[in-house]
Amino acid sequence: MAWGHVTCDWAYRQAIGELPPSWALSEKLRLEGVGAVLVPSLAIGTRSHYTNLVFWQWGGQPALQVAVIDD
């Protein structure tokens, strides 16, 4: 999938009844058992090395458990 598909205007596409490509990708990965991805930040003013950890599945039990470790 092209980077342009990931950065698409998902709200507009969803509003006109289309499945945004980024949503299709997340659904494909979710069905493959992937619970999250690390992606570059698209926020205005961020630097190229800034990233976001995006979860679409999480919970209190392994393998979907999320916990903060601040050692």
N, C-alpha and C. Protein backbone atom coordinates (compact mmCIF):
# COMPACT_ATOMS: atom_id res chain seq x y z
N MET A 1 0.84 -1.17 0.00
CA MET A 1 0.00 0.00 0.00
C MET A 1 0.89 1.24 0.00
N ALA A 2 0.53 2.20 -0.78
CA ALA A 2 1.30 3.43 -0.89
C ALA A 2 1.09 4.31 0.35
N TRP A 3 2.13 5.09 0.69
CA TRP A 3 2.04 5.98 1.84
C TRP A 3 0.86 6.94 1.70
N GLY A 4 0.55 7.36 0.48
CA GLY A 4 -0.59 8.25 0.25
C GLY A 4 -1.91 7.64 0.67
N HIS A 5 -2.02 6.32 0.60
CA HIS A 5 -3.24 5.66 1.06
C HIS A 5 -3.35 5.74 2.58
N VAL A 6 -2.23 5.63 3.25
CA VAL A 6 -2.23 5.68 4.71
C VAL A 6 -2.56 7.08 5.20
N THR A 7 -2.12 8.10 4.48
CA THR A 7 -2.33 9.48 4.90
C THR A 7 -3.57 10.10 4.26
N CYS A 8 -4.46 9.28 3.73
CA CYS A 8 -5.65 9.78 3.03
C CYS A 8 -6.57 10.55 3.97
N ASP A 9 -7.48 11.31 3.38
CA ASP A 9 -8.51 12.02 4.14
C ASP A 9 -9.60 11.02 4.51
N TRP A 10 -9.33 10.26 5.58
CA TRP A 10 -10.23 9.17 5.95
C TRP A 10 -11.62 9.67 6.31
N ALA A 11 -11.73 10.82 6.95
CA ALA A 11 -13.04 11.32 7.36
C ALA A 11 -13.91 11.62 6.14
N TYR A 12 -13.32 12.23 5.12
CA TYR A 12 -14.07 12.53 3.90
C TYR A 12 -14.49 11.24 3.21
N ARG A 13 -13.55 10.31 3.07
CA ARG A 13 -13.88 9.05 2.40
C ARG A 13 -14.98 8.30 3.13
N GLN A 14 -14.92 8.30 4.44
CA GLN A 14 -15.94 7.62 5.22
C GLN A 14 -17.28 8.33 5.06
N ALA A 15 -17.27 9.66 5.00
CA ALA A 15 -18.50 10.44 4.86
C ALA A 15 -19.20 10.19 3.53
N ILE A 16 -18.44 9.89 2.49
CA ILE A 16 -19.06 9.64 1.18
C ILE A 16 -19.31 8.15 0.94
N GLY A 17 -19.14 7.36 2.01
CA GLY A 17 -19.48 5.95 1.93
C GLY A 17 -18.38 5.03 1.45
N GLU A 18 -17.17 5.54 1.35
CA GLU A 18 -16.03 4.71 0.95
C GLU A 18 -15.31 4.15 2.18
N LEU A 19 -14.67 3.02 2.01
CA LEU A 19 -13.80 2.48 3.05
C LEU A 19 -12.42 3.10 2.85
N PRO A 20 -11.97 3.92 3.79
CA PRO A 20 -10.64 4.53 3.64
C PRO A 20 -9.56 3.45 3.53
N PRO A 21 -8.58 3.63 2.64
CA PRO A 21 -7.52 2.63 2.49
C PRO A 21 -6.78 2.33 3.79
N SER A 22 -6.61 3.33 4.64
CA SER A 22 -5.92 3.10 5.92
C SER A 22 -6.75 2.17 6.81
N TRP A 23 -8.07 2.26 6.73
CA TRP A 23 -8.93 1.38 7.50
C TRP A 23 -8.87 -0.04 6.95
N ALA A 24 -8.81 -0.15 5.63
CA ALA A 24 -8.70 -1.47 5.01
C ALA A 24 -7.39 -2.14 5.43
N LEU A 25 -6.30 -1.36 5.48
CA LEU A 25 -5.02 -1.90 5.90
C LEU A 25 -5.07 -2.35 7.36
N SER A 26 -5.64 -1.53 8.23
CA SER A 26 -5.70 -1.91 9.64
C SER A 26 -6.56 -3.16 9.84
N GLU A 27 -7.63 -3.29 9.07
CA GLU A 27 -8.48 -4.48 9.18
C GLU A 27 -7.72 -5.72 8.71
N LYS A 28 -6.97 -5.60 7.62
CA LYS A 28 -6.15 -6.72 7.13
C LYS A 28 -5.15 -7.16 8.19
N LEU A 29 -4.46 -6.20 8.78
CA LEU A 29 -3.47 -6.52 9.80
C LEU A 29 -4.13 -7.09 11.05
N ARG A 30 -5.28 -6.53 11.44
CA ARG A 30 -6.00 -7.04 12.61
C ARG A 30 -6.38 -8.51 12.42
N LEU A 31 -6.86 -8.84 11.23
CA LEU A 31 -7.24 -10.22 10.94
C LEU A 31 -6.04 -11.16 10.94
N GLU A 32 -4.85 -10.60 10.72
CA GLU A 32 -3.62 -11.39 10.77
C GLU A 32 -3.05 -11.47 12.19
N GLY A 33 -3.76 -10.87 13.16
CA GLY A 33 -3.34 -10.94 14.55
C GLY A 33 -2.45 -9.81 15.02
N VAL A 34 -2.28 -8.79 14.20
CA VAL A 34 -1.47 -7.64 14.57
C VAL A 34 -2.34 -6.68 15.37
N GLY A 35 -1.90 -6.31 16.57
CA GLY A 35 -2.69 -5.45 17.44
C GLY A 35 -2.34 -3.98 17.37
N ALA A 36 -1.18 -3.65 16.78
CA ALA A 36 -0.75 -2.25 16.73
C ALA A 36 0.36 -2.10 15.70
N VAL A 37 0.59 -0.85 15.30
CA VAL A 37 1.69 -0.54 14.39
C VAL A 37 2.38 0.74 14.86
N LEU A 38 3.63 0.86 14.53
CA LEU A 38 4.40 2.07 14.78
C LEU A 38 4.47 2.84 13.47
N VAL A 39 3.95 4.08 13.48
CA VAL A 39 3.88 4.88 12.26
C VAL A 39 4.47 6.26 12.50
N PRO A 40 4.98 6.88 11.44
CA PRO A 40 5.47 8.26 11.58
C PRO A 40 4.34 9.20 12.00
N SER A 41 4.67 10.16 12.83
CA SER A 41 3.68 11.15 13.23
C SER A 41 3.38 12.09 12.07
N LEU A 42 2.10 12.40 11.89
CA LEU A 42 1.68 13.32 10.84
C LEU A 42 1.27 14.67 11.40
N ALA A 43 1.48 14.88 12.69
CA ALA A 43 1.09 16.14 13.33
C ALA A 43 1.95 17.29 12.80
N ILE A 44 1.32 18.43 12.67
CA ILE A 44 2.03 19.61 12.19
C ILE A 44 3.14 19.98 13.16
N GLY A 45 4.32 20.23 12.62
CA GLY A 45 5.46 20.65 13.43
C GLY A 45 6.30 19.52 13.98
N THR A 46 5.93 18.27 13.72
CA THR A 46 6.74 17.17 14.24
C THR A 46 7.98 16.96 13.38
N ARG A 47 8.95 16.32 13.95
CA ARG A 47 10.18 16.00 13.23
C ARG A 47 10.06 14.61 12.61
N SER A 48 10.91 14.32 11.66
CA SER A 48 10.80 13.08 10.90
C SER A 48 10.96 11.83 11.76
N HIS A 49 11.62 11.94 12.91
CA HIS A 49 11.83 10.76 13.75
C HIS A 49 10.72 10.57 14.80
N TYR A 50 9.73 11.45 14.83
CA TYR A 50 8.62 11.30 15.78
C TYR A 50 7.69 10.20 15.27
N THR A 51 7.26 9.35 16.19
CA THR A 51 6.39 8.24 15.80
C THR A 51 5.21 8.12 16.76
N ASN A 52 4.21 7.42 16.30
CA ASN A 52 3.04 7.09 17.11
C ASN A 52 2.86 5.59 17.12
N LEU A 53 2.51 5.06 18.26
CA LEU A 53 2.15 3.65 18.38
C LEU A 53 0.62 3.60 18.34
N VAL A 54 0.08 3.04 17.27
CA VAL A 54 -1.36 3.03 17.04
C VAL A 54 -1.90 1.64 17.34
N PHE A 55 -2.80 1.56 18.31
CA PHE A 55 -3.44 0.30 18.69
C PHE A 55 -4.84 0.23 18.10
N TRP A 56 -5.23 -0.91 17.62
CA TRP A 56 -6.64 -1.12 17.29
C TRP A 56 -7.21 -2.28 18.06
N GLN A 57 -6.39 -2.98 18.79
CA GLN A 57 -6.84 -4.01 19.71
C GLN A 57 -5.97 -3.94 20.96
N TRP A 58 -6.59 -3.93 22.12
CA TRP A 58 -5.85 -3.99 23.36
C TRP A 58 -6.78 -4.50 24.45
N GLY A 59 -6.19 -4.88 25.54
CA GLY A 59 -6.98 -5.39 26.65
C GLY A 59 -6.09 -5.73 27.82
N GLY A 60 -6.67 -6.35 28.82
CA GLY A 60 -5.94 -6.66 30.03
C GLY A 60 -5.29 -8.03 30.04
N GLN A 61 -5.51 -8.81 29.01
CA GLN A 61 -4.96 -10.16 28.96
C GLN A 61 -3.96 -10.29 27.82
N PRO A 62 -2.88 -11.08 28.04
CA PRO A 62 -1.97 -11.34 26.92
C PRO A 62 -2.76 -12.00 25.80
N ALA A 63 -2.53 -11.81 24.58
CA ALA A 63 -1.48 -11.10 23.92
C ALA A 63 -1.86 -9.67 23.59
N LEU A 64 -2.99 -9.21 24.05
CA LEU A 64 -3.43 -7.84 23.75
C LEU A 64 -3.23 -6.90 24.92
N GLN A 65 -2.48 -7.30 25.91
CA GLN A 65 -2.26 -6.52 27.11
C GLN A 65 -1.36 -5.33 26.82
N VAL A 66 -1.74 -4.18 27.35
CA VAL A 66 -0.94 -2.97 27.24
C VAL A 66 -0.60 -2.51 28.65
N ALA A 67 0.67 -2.28 28.90
CA ALA A 67 1.09 -1.82 30.22
C ALA A 67 2.20 -0.79 30.07
N VAL A 68 2.19 0.20 30.93
CA VAL A 68 3.24 1.22 30.94
C VAL A 68 4.35 0.74 31.86
N ILE A 69 5.56 0.77 31.34
CA ILE A 69 6.74 0.43 32.14
C ILE A 69 7.64 1.65 32.13
N ASP A 70 7.82 2.26 33.26
CA ASP A 70 8.61 3.47 33.37
C ASP A 70 9.77 3.23 34.33
N ASP A 71 10.76 2.50 33.82
CA ASP A 71 11.92 2.15 34.66
C ASP A 71 12.96 3.22 34.67
